[in-house]
PDB file of N, CA and C in Angstrom:
ATOM      1  N   UNK A   1       0.858  -1.230   0.138  1.00  0.00           N
ATOM      2  CA  UNK A   1       0.047  -0.109   0.013  1.00  0.00           C
ATOM      3  C   UNK A   1       0.853   1.075  -0.018  1.00  0.00           C
ATOM      4  N   UNK A   2       0.465   2.293  -0.727  1.00  0.00           N
ATOM      5  CA  UNK A   2       1.329   3.447  -0.911  1.00  0.00           C
ATOM      6  C   UNK A   2       0.563   4.342   0.223  1.00  0.00           C
ATOM      7  N   UNK A   3       1.453   5.394   0.440  1.00  0.00           N
ATOM      8  CA  UNK A   3       1.043   6.398   1.218  1.00  0.00           C
ATOM      9  C   UNK A   3      -0.460   7.058   1.298  1.00  0.00           C
ATOM     10  N   UNK A   4      -0.756   7.285  -0.030  1.00  0.00           N
ATOM     11  CA  UNK A   4      -2.061   7.860  -0.400  1.00  0.00           C
ATOM     12  C   UNK A   4      -3.050   6.908  -0.186  1.00  0.00           C
ATOM     13  N   UNK A   5      -2.838   5.703  -0.233  1.00  0.00           N
ATOM     14  CA  UNK A   5      -3.830   4.462   0.189  1.00  0.00           C
ATOM     15  C   UNK A   5      -4.448   4.610   1.662  1.00  0.00           C
ATOM     16  N   UNK A   6      -2.991   4.670   2.418  1.00  0.00           N
ATOM     17  CA  UNK A   6      -3.117   4.451   3.823  1.00  0.00           C
ATOM     18  C   UNK A   6      -3.771   5.939   4.432  1.00  0.00           C
ATOM     19  N   UNK A   7      -3.321   7.018   3.650  1.00  0.00           N
ATOM     20  CA  UNK A   7      -4.116   8.190   4.227  1.00  0.00           C
ATOM     21  C   UNK A   7      -5.565   8.251   3.931  1.00  0.00           C
ATOM     22  N   UNK A   8      -6.045   7.844   2.796  1.00  0.00           N
ATOM     23  CA  UNK A   8      -7.417   7.612   2.119  1.00  0.00           C
ATOM     24  C   UNK A   8      -8.187   6.663   3.458  1.00  0.00           C
ATOM     25  N   UNK A   9      -7.532   5.664   3.851  1.00  0.00           N
ATOM     26  CA  UNK A   9      -8.200   4.941   4.824  1.00  0.00           C
ATOM     27  C   UNK A   9      -8.381   5.659   6.070  1.00  0.00           C
ATOM     28  N   UNK A  10      -7.479   6.210   6.616  1.00  0.00           N
ATOM     29  CA  UNK A  10      -7.513   7.133   7.846  1.00  0.00           C
ATOM     30  C   UNK A  10      -8.656   8.038   7.752  1.00  0.00           C
ATOM     31  N   UNK A  11      -8.636   8.972   6.419  1.00  0.00           N
ATOM     32  CA  UNK A  11      -9.701  10.005   6.123  1.00  0.00           C
ATOM     33  C   UNK A  11     -10.807   9.173   6.199  1.00  0.00           C
ATOM     34  N   UNK A  12     -11.046   8.177   5.422  1.00  0.00           N
ATOM     35  CA  UNK A  12     -12.521   7.440   5.697  1.00  0.00           C
ATOM     36  C   UNK A  12     -12.987   7.071   7.202  1.00  0.00           C
ATOM     37  N   UNK A  13     -12.030   6.451   7.966  1.00  0.00           N
ATOM     38  CA  UNK A  13     -12.269   6.111   9.334  1.00  0.00           C
ATOM     39  C   UNK A  13     -12.660   7.450  10.048  1.00  0.00           C
ATOM     40  N   UNK A  14     -12.009   8.537   9.886  1.00  0.00           N
ATOM     41  CA  UNK A  14     -12.146   9.714  10.523  1.00  0.00           C
ATOM     42  C   UNK A  14     -13.798  10.242  10.155  1.00  0.00           C
ATOM     43  N   UNK A  15     -14.050  10.093   8.912  1.00  0.00           N
ATOM     44  CA  UNK A  15     -15.278  10.661   8.387  1.00  0.00           C
ATOM     45  C   UNK A  15     -16.453   9.790   9.056  1.00  0.00           C
ATOM     46  N   UNK A  16     -16.242   8.131   8.942  1.00  0.00           N
ATOM     47  CA  UNK A  16     -17.269   7.434   9.684  1.00  0.00           C
ATOM     48  C   UNK A  16     -17.520   7.661  11.167  1.00  0.00           C
ATOM     49  N   UNK A  17     -16.344   7.777  11.634  1.00  0.00           N
ATOM     50  CA  UNK A  17     -16.409   8.031  13.374  1.00  0.00           C
ATOM     51  C   UNK A  17     -17.295   9.445  13.593  1.00  0.00           C
ATOM     52  N   UNK A  18     -17.087  10.352  12.742  1.00  0.00           N
ATOM     53  CA  UNK A  18     -17.554  11.789  13.038  1.00  0.00           C
ATOM     54  C   UNK A  18     -19.223  11.682  12.709  1.00  0.00           C
ATOM     55  N   UNK A  19     -19.524  10.856  11.648  1.00  0.00           N
ATOM     56  CA  UNK A  19     -21.000  10.643  11.246  1.00  0.00           C
ATOM     57  C   UNK A  19     -21.647   9.836  12.344  1.00  0.00           C
ATOM     58  N   UNK A  20     -21.050   9.005  12.858  1.00  0.00           N
ATOM     59  CA  UNK A  20     -21.688   8.200  14.084  1.00  0.00           C
ATOM     60  C   UNK A  20     -21.664   8.905  15.430  1.00  0.00           C
ATOM     61  N   UNK A  21     -20.828   9.746  15.549  1.00  0.00           N
ATOM     62  CA  UNK A  21     -20.730  10.485  16.739  1.00  0.00           C
ATOM     63  C   UNK A  21     -21.821  11.768  16.481  1.00  0.00           C
ATOM     64  N   UNK A  22     -21.947  12.251  15.462  1.00  0.00           N
ATOM     65  CA  UNK A  22     -23.107  13.093  15.235  1.00  0.00           C
ATOM     66  C   UNK A  22     -24.351  12.661  15.389  1.00  0.00           C
ATOM     67  N   UNK A  23     -24.584  11.256  14.906  1.00  0.00           N
ATOM     68  CA  UNK A  23     -25.916  10.765  14.767  1.00  0.00           C
ATOM     69  C   UNK A  23     -26.397  10.337  16.433  1.00  0.00           C
ATOM     70  N   UNK A  24     -25.039   9.986  17.192  1.00  0.00           N
ATOM     71  CA  UNK A  24     -25.490   9.908  18.642  1.00  0.00           C
ATOM     72  C   UNK A  24     -25.876  10.948  19.464  1.00  0.00           C
ATOM     73  N   UNK A  25     -25.237  12.055  18.930  1.00  0.00           N
ATOM     74  CA  UNK A  25     -25.326  13.262  19.696  1.00  0.00           C
ATOM     75  C   UNK A  25     -26.687  13.861  19.402  1.00  0.00           C
ATOM     76  N   UNK A  26     -27.142  13.714  18.121  1.00  0.00           N
ATOM     77  CA  UNK A  26     -28.626  13.965  17.798  1.00  0.00           C
ATOM     78  C   UNK A  26     -29.420  13.236  18.443  1.00  0.00           C
ATOM     79  N   UNK A  27     -29.487  11.848  18.506  1.00  0.00           N
ATOM     80  CA  UNK A  27     -30.326  10.942  19.236  1.00  0.00           C
ATOM     81  C   UNK A  27     -30.332  11.436  20.668  1.00  0.00           C
ATOM     82  N   UNK A  28     -29.304  11.752  21.346  1.00  0.00           N
ATOM     83  CA  UNK A  28     -29.214  12.109  23.079  1.00  0.00           C
ATOM     84  C   UNK A  28     -29.775  13.442  23.275  1.00  0.00           C
ATOM     85  N   UNK A  29     -29.695  14.221  22.272  1.00  0.00           N
ATOM     86  CA  UNK A  29     -29.794  15.599  22.831  1.00  0.00           C
ATOM     87  C   UNK A  29     -31.379  16.085  23.070  1.00  0.00           C
ATOM     88  N   UNK A  30     -32.354  15.784  22.611  1.00  0.00           N
ATOM     89  CA  UNK A  30     -33.694  16.062  23.039  1.00  0.00           C
ATOM     90  C   UNK A  30     -34.122  15.392  24.386  1.00  0.00           C
ATOM     91  N   UNK A  31     -33.555  14.186  24.467  1.00  0.00           N
ATOM     92  CA  UNK A  31     -33.849  13.646  26.056  1.00  0.00           C
ATOM     93  C   UNK A  31     -33.077  14.287  27.211  1.00  0.00           C
ATOM     94  N   UNK A  32     -31.690  14.628  26.899  1.00  0.00           N
ATOM     95  CA  UNK A  32     -31.133  15.285  27.789  1.00  0.00           C
ATOM     96  C   UNK A  32     -31.892  16.537  28.127  1.00  0.00           C
ATOM     97  N   UNK A  33     -32.343  17.515  27.209  1.00  0.00           N
ATOM     98  CA  UNK A  33     -32.866  18.644  27.095  1.00  0.00           C
ATOM     99  C   UNK A  33     -34.132  18.481  28.107  1.00  0.00           C
ATOM    100  N   UNK A  34     -35.017  17.325  27.802  1.00  0.00           N
ATOM    101  CA  UNK A  34     -36.162  17.295  28.632  1.00  0.00           C
ATOM    102  C   UNK A  34     -36.031  16.979  29.889  1.00  0.00           C
ATOM    103  N   UNK A  35     -34.987  16.065  30.328  1.00  0.00           N
ATOM    104  CA  UNK A  35     -34.755  15.656  31.636  1.00  0.00           C
ATOM    105  C   UNK A  35     -34.036  17.020  32.472  1.00  0.00           C
ATOM    106  N   UNK A  36     -33.344  17.788  31.887  1.00  0.00           N
ATOM    107  CA  UNK A  36     -32.756  18.764  32.607  1.00  0.00           C
ATOM    108  C   UNK A  36     -34.007  20.043  32.756  1.00  0.00           C
ATOM    109  N   UNK A  37     -34.919  20.043  31.815  1.00  0.00           N
ATOM    110  CA  UNK A  37     -36.039  21.115  32.004  1.00  0.00           C
ATOM    111  C   UNK A  37     -37.101  20.572  32.944  1.00  0.00           C
ATOM    112  N   UNK A  38     -36.989  19.124  33.265  1.00  0.00           N
ATOM    113  CA  UNK A  38     -37.931  18.811  34.239  1.00  0.00           C
ATOM    114  C   UNK A  38     -39.280  18.420  33.414  1.00  0.00           C
ATOM    115  N   UNK A  39     -39.489  17.908  32.235  1.00  0.00           N
ATOM    116  CA  UNK A  39     -40.229  17.484  31.284  1.00  0.00           C
ATOM    117  C   UNK A  39     -40.925  16.606  32.002  1.00  0.00           C
ATOM    118  N   UNK A  40     -42.354  16.620  31.917  1.00  0.00           N
ATOM    119  CA  UNK A  40     -43.255  15.483  32.308  1.00  0.00           C
ATOM    120  C   UNK A  40     -43.138  14.221  31.674  1.00  0.00           C
ATOM    121  N   UNK A  41     -42.828  14.073  30.519  1.00  0.00           N
ATOM    122  CA  UNK A  41     -42.609  12.937  29.640  1.00  0.00           C
ATOM    123  C   UNK A  41     -41.429  13.009  29.080  1.00  0.00           C
ATOM    124  N   UNK A  42     -40.148  12.943  29.780  1.00  0.00           N
ATOM    125  CA  UNK A  42     -39.002  13.039  29.219  1.00  0.00           C
ATOM    126  C   UNK A  42     -38.439  11.682  28.595  1.00  0.00           C
ATOM    127  N   UNK A  43     -38.918  10.604  29.265  1.00  0.00           N
ATOM    128  CA  UNK A  43     -38.676   9.334  28.512  1.00  0.00           C
ATOM    129  C   UNK A  43     -39.133   9.370  27.287  1.00  0.00           C
ATOM    130  N   UNK A  44     -40.349   9.743  27.134  1.00  0.00           N
ATOM    131  CA  UNK A  44     -41.041   9.727  25.788  1.00  0.00           C
ATOM    132  C   UNK A  44     -40.406  10.578  24.696  1.00  0.00           C
ATOM    133  N   UNK A  45     -40.100  11.528  25.178  1.00  0.00           N
ATOM    134  CA  UNK A  45     -39.139  12.559  24.284  1.00  0.00           C
ATOM    135  C   UNK A  45     -37.830  11.674  23.904  1.00  0.00           C
ATOM    136  N   UNK A  46     -37.179  11.129  24.878  1.00  0.00           N
ATOM    137  CA  UNK A  46     -35.951  10.479  24.340  1.00  0.00           C
ATOM    138  C   UNK A  46     -36.040   9.357  23.507  1.00  0.00           C
ATOM    139  N   UNK A  47     -37.085   8.348  23.791  1.00  0.00           N
ATOM    140  CA  UNK A  47     -37.590   7.465  22.640  1.00  0.00           C
ATOM    141  C   UNK A  47     -38.031   7.971  21.362  1.00  0.00           C
ATOM    142  N   UNK A  48     -38.781   9.012  21.514  1.00  0.00           N
ATOM    143  CA  UNK A  48     -39.312   9.870  20.042  1.00  0.00           C
ATOM    144  C   UNK A  48     -38.025  10.104  19.342  1.00  0.00           C
ATOM    145  N   UNK A  49     -36.924  10.625  20.060  1.00  0.00           N
ATOM    146  CA  UNK A  49     -35.883  11.297  19.300  1.00  0.00           C
ATOM    147  C   UNK A  49     -35.198   9.926  18.383  1.00  0.00           C
ATOM    148  N   UNK A  50     -34.899   8.918  19.222  1.00  0.00           N
ATOM    149  CA  UNK A  50     -34.044   7.795  18.589  1.00  0.00           C
ATOM    150  C   UNK A  50     -34.974   7.340  17.493  1.00  0.00           C
ATOM    151  N   UNK A  51     -36.357   6.997  17.920  1.00  0.00           N
ATOM    152  CA  UNK A  51     -37.271   6.686  16.858  1.00  0.00           C
ATOM    153  C   UNK A  51     -37.146   7.212  15.559  1.00  0.00           C
ATOM    154  N   UNK A  52     -37.207   8.821  15.721  1.00  0.00           N
ATOM    155  CA  UNK A  52     -37.456   9.519  14.297  1.00  0.00           C
ATOM    156  C   UNK A  52     -35.975   9.577  13.711  1.00  0.00           C
ATOM    157  N   UNK A  53     -34.779   9.386  14.354  1.00  0.00           N
ATOM    158  CA  UNK A  53     -33.534   9.206  13.917  1.00  0.00           C
ATOM    159  C   UNK A  53     -33.407   8.067  12.851  1.00  0.00           C
ATOM    160  N   UNK A  54     -33.891   7.003  13.379  1.00  0.00           N
ATOM    161  CA  UNK A  54     -33.723   5.725  12.970  1.00  0.00           C
ATOM    162  C   UNK A  54     -34.802   5.524  11.824  1.00  0.00           C
ATOM    163  N   UNK A  55     -35.975   6.006  11.848  1.00  0.00           N
ATOM    164  CA  UNK A  55     -36.965   5.575  10.893  1.00  0.00           C
ATOM    165  C   UNK A  55     -37.116   6.901   9.952  1.00  0.00           C
ATOM    166  N   UNK A  56     -36.358   7.824  10.085  1.00  0.00           N
ATOM    167  CA  UNK A  56     -36.595   8.917   9.215  1.00  0.00           C
ATOM    168  C   UNK A  56     -36.371  10.305   9.985  1.00  0.00           C
ATOM    169  N   UNK A  57     -35.748  11.382   9.503  1.00  0.00           N
ATOM    170  CA  UNK A  57     -35.278  12.529  10.121  1.00  0.00           C
ATOM    171  C   UNK A  57     -36.296  13.598  10.143  1.00  0.00           C
ATOM    172  N   UNK A  58     -37.711  13.242   9.523  1.00  0.00           N
ATOM    173  CA  UNK A  58     -38.600  14.204   9.467  1.00  0.00           C
ATOM    174  C   UNK A  58     -39.004  14.891  10.821  1.00  0.00           C
ATOM    175  N   UNK A  59     -39.254  13.928  11.517  1.00  0.00           N
ATOM    176  CA  UNK A  59     -40.116  14.470  13.017  1.00  0.00           C
ATOM    177  C   UNK A  59     -39.270  14.898  13.833  1.00  0.00           C
ATOM    178  N   UNK A  60     -37.955  14.816  13.721  1.00  0.00           N
ATOM    179  CA  UNK A  60     -36.705  14.945  14.782  1.00  0.00           C
ATOM    180  C   UNK A  60     -36.915  16.551  15.305  1.00  0.00           C
ATOM    181  N   UNK A  61     -37.068  17.490  14.333  1.00  0.00           N
ATOM    182  CA  UNK A  61     -37.274  18.986  15.021  1.00  0.00           C
ATOM    183  C   UNK A  61     -38.409  18.915  15.738  1.00  0.00           C
ATOM    184  N   UNK A  62     -39.588  18.157  15.438  1.00  0.00           N
ATOM    185  CA  UNK A  62     -40.949  18.324  16.224  1.00  0.00           C
ATOM    186  C   UNK A  62     -40.235  17.826  17.801  1.00  0.00           C
ATOM    187  N   UNK A  63     -39.781  16.763  17.745  1.00  0.00           N
ATOM    188  CA  UNK A  63     -39.199  16.147  18.951  1.00  0.00           C
ATOM    189  C   UNK A  63     -38.493  17.047  19.664  1.00  0.00           C
ATOM    190  N   UNK A  64     -37.644  17.548  19.095  1.00  0.00           N
ATOM    191  CA  UNK A  64     -36.750  18.689  19.713  1.00  0.00           C
ATOM    192  C   UNK A  64     -37.444  20.182  20.277  1.00  0.00           C
ATOM    193  N   UNK A  65     -38.489  20.268  19.603  1.00  0.00           N
ATOM    194  CA  UNK A  65     -39.307  21.458  20.098  1.00  0.00           C
ATOM    195  C   UNK A  65     -40.106  20.858  21.315  1.00  0.00           C
ATOM    196  N   UNK A  66     -40.834  19.579  21.244  1.00  0.00           N
ATOM    197  CA  UNK A  66     -41.313  19.070  22.385  1.00  0.00           C
ATOM    198  C   UNK A  66     -40.814  18.971  23.633  1.00  0.00           C
ATOM    199  N   UNK A  67     -39.093  18.844  23.664  1.00  0.00           N
ATOM    200  CA  UNK A  67     -38.272  18.690  24.793  1.00  0.00           C
ATOM    201  C   UNK A  67     -38.392  20.313  25.432  1.00  0.00           C
ATOM    202  N   UNK A  68     -38.618  21.233  24.618  1.00  0.00           N
ATOM    203  CA  UNK A  68     -38.521  22.708  25.369  1.00  0.00           C
ATOM    204  C   UNK A  68     -39.999  23.044  25.676  1.00  0.00           C
ATOM    205  N   UNK A  69     -41.046  22.206  25.115  1.00  0.00           N
ATOM    206  CA  UNK A  69     -42.447  22.622  25.645  1.00  0.00           C
ATOM    207  C   UNK A  69     -43.195  21.658  26.542  1.00  0.00           C
ATOM    208  N   UNK A  70     -43.985  21.996  27.210  1.00  0.00           N
ATOM    209  CA  UNK A  70     -44.664  21.471  28.185  1.00  0.00           C
ATOM    210  C   UNK A  70     -43.956  21.160  29.541  1.00  0.00           C
ATOM    211  N   UNK A  71     -43.220  22.094  29.611  1.00  0.00           N
ATOM    212  CA  UNK A  71     -42.346  21.974  31.040  1.00  0.00           C
ATOM    213  C   UNK A  71     -43.262  22.574  32.259  1.00  0.00           C
ATOM    214  N   UNK A  72     -43.337  21.885  33.174  1.00  0.00           N
ATOM    215  CA  UNK A  72     -44.396  22.568  34.299  1.00  0.00           C
ATOM    216  C   UNK A  72     -44.009  23.835  34.762  1.00  0.00           C
ATOM    217  N   UNK A  73     -44.815  24.618  34.841  1.00  0.00           N
ATOM    218  CA  UNK A  73     -44.753  26.121  35.376  1.00  0.00           C
ATOM    219  C   UNK A  73     -43.969  25.888  36.785  1.00  0.00           C
ATOM    220  N   UNK A  74     -43.178  26.912  36.983  1.00  0.00           N
ATOM    221  CA  UNK A  74     -42.562  26.962  38.232  1.00  0.00           C
ATOM    222  C   UNK A  74     -43.491  27.703  39.142  1.00  0.00           C
ATOM    223  N   UNK A  75     -43.482  27.155  40.467  1.00  0.00           N
ATOM    224  CA  UNK A  75     -44.293  27.657  41.342  1.00  0.00           C
ATOM    225  C   UNK A  75     -43.658  28.856  42.204  1.00  0.00           C
ATOM    226  N   UNK A  76     -44.105  29.972  42.508  1.00  0.00           N
ATOM    227  CA  UNK A  76     -43.324  30.810  43.345  1.00  0.00           C
ATOM    228  C   UNK A  76     -43.746  30.416  44.837  1.00  0.00           C
ATOM    229  N   UNK A  77     -42.687  30.742  45.641  1.00  0.00           N
ATOM    230  CA  UNK A  77     -42.764  30.588  47.108  1.00  0.00           C
ATOM    231  C   UNK A  77     -43.929  31.429  47.683  1.00  0.00           C
ATOM    232  N   UNK A  78     -44.703  30.950  48.522  1.00  0.00           N
ATOM    233  CA  UNK A  78     -45.658  31.762  49.241  1.00  0.00           C
ATOM    234  C   UNK A  78     -45.078  32.743  50.145  1.00  0.00           C
ATOM    235  N   UNK A  79     -45.705  33.897  50.111  1.00  0.00           N
ATOM    236  CA  UNK A  79     -45.146  35.041  50.990  1.00  0.00           C
ATOM    237  C   UNK A  79     -45.945  35.278  52.206  1.00  0.00           C
TER     238      UNK A  79
END
């Protein structure tokens, strides 16, 4: 193998690793946001995120929006 062949394989491996990392980051993001914000259905948001990424990316922005919406209102302390 020449240097160009080895370099091409290294570049290919880096690209594949980057794509896998981006896929995992996108799958985890809405669930983490929902849990951090105290969403009542945080687990459903996490499952929906992975399901939409695996079966098609179309509804993933909707799941991301759902992670930010429906957070319970914060109660003020009684005076």
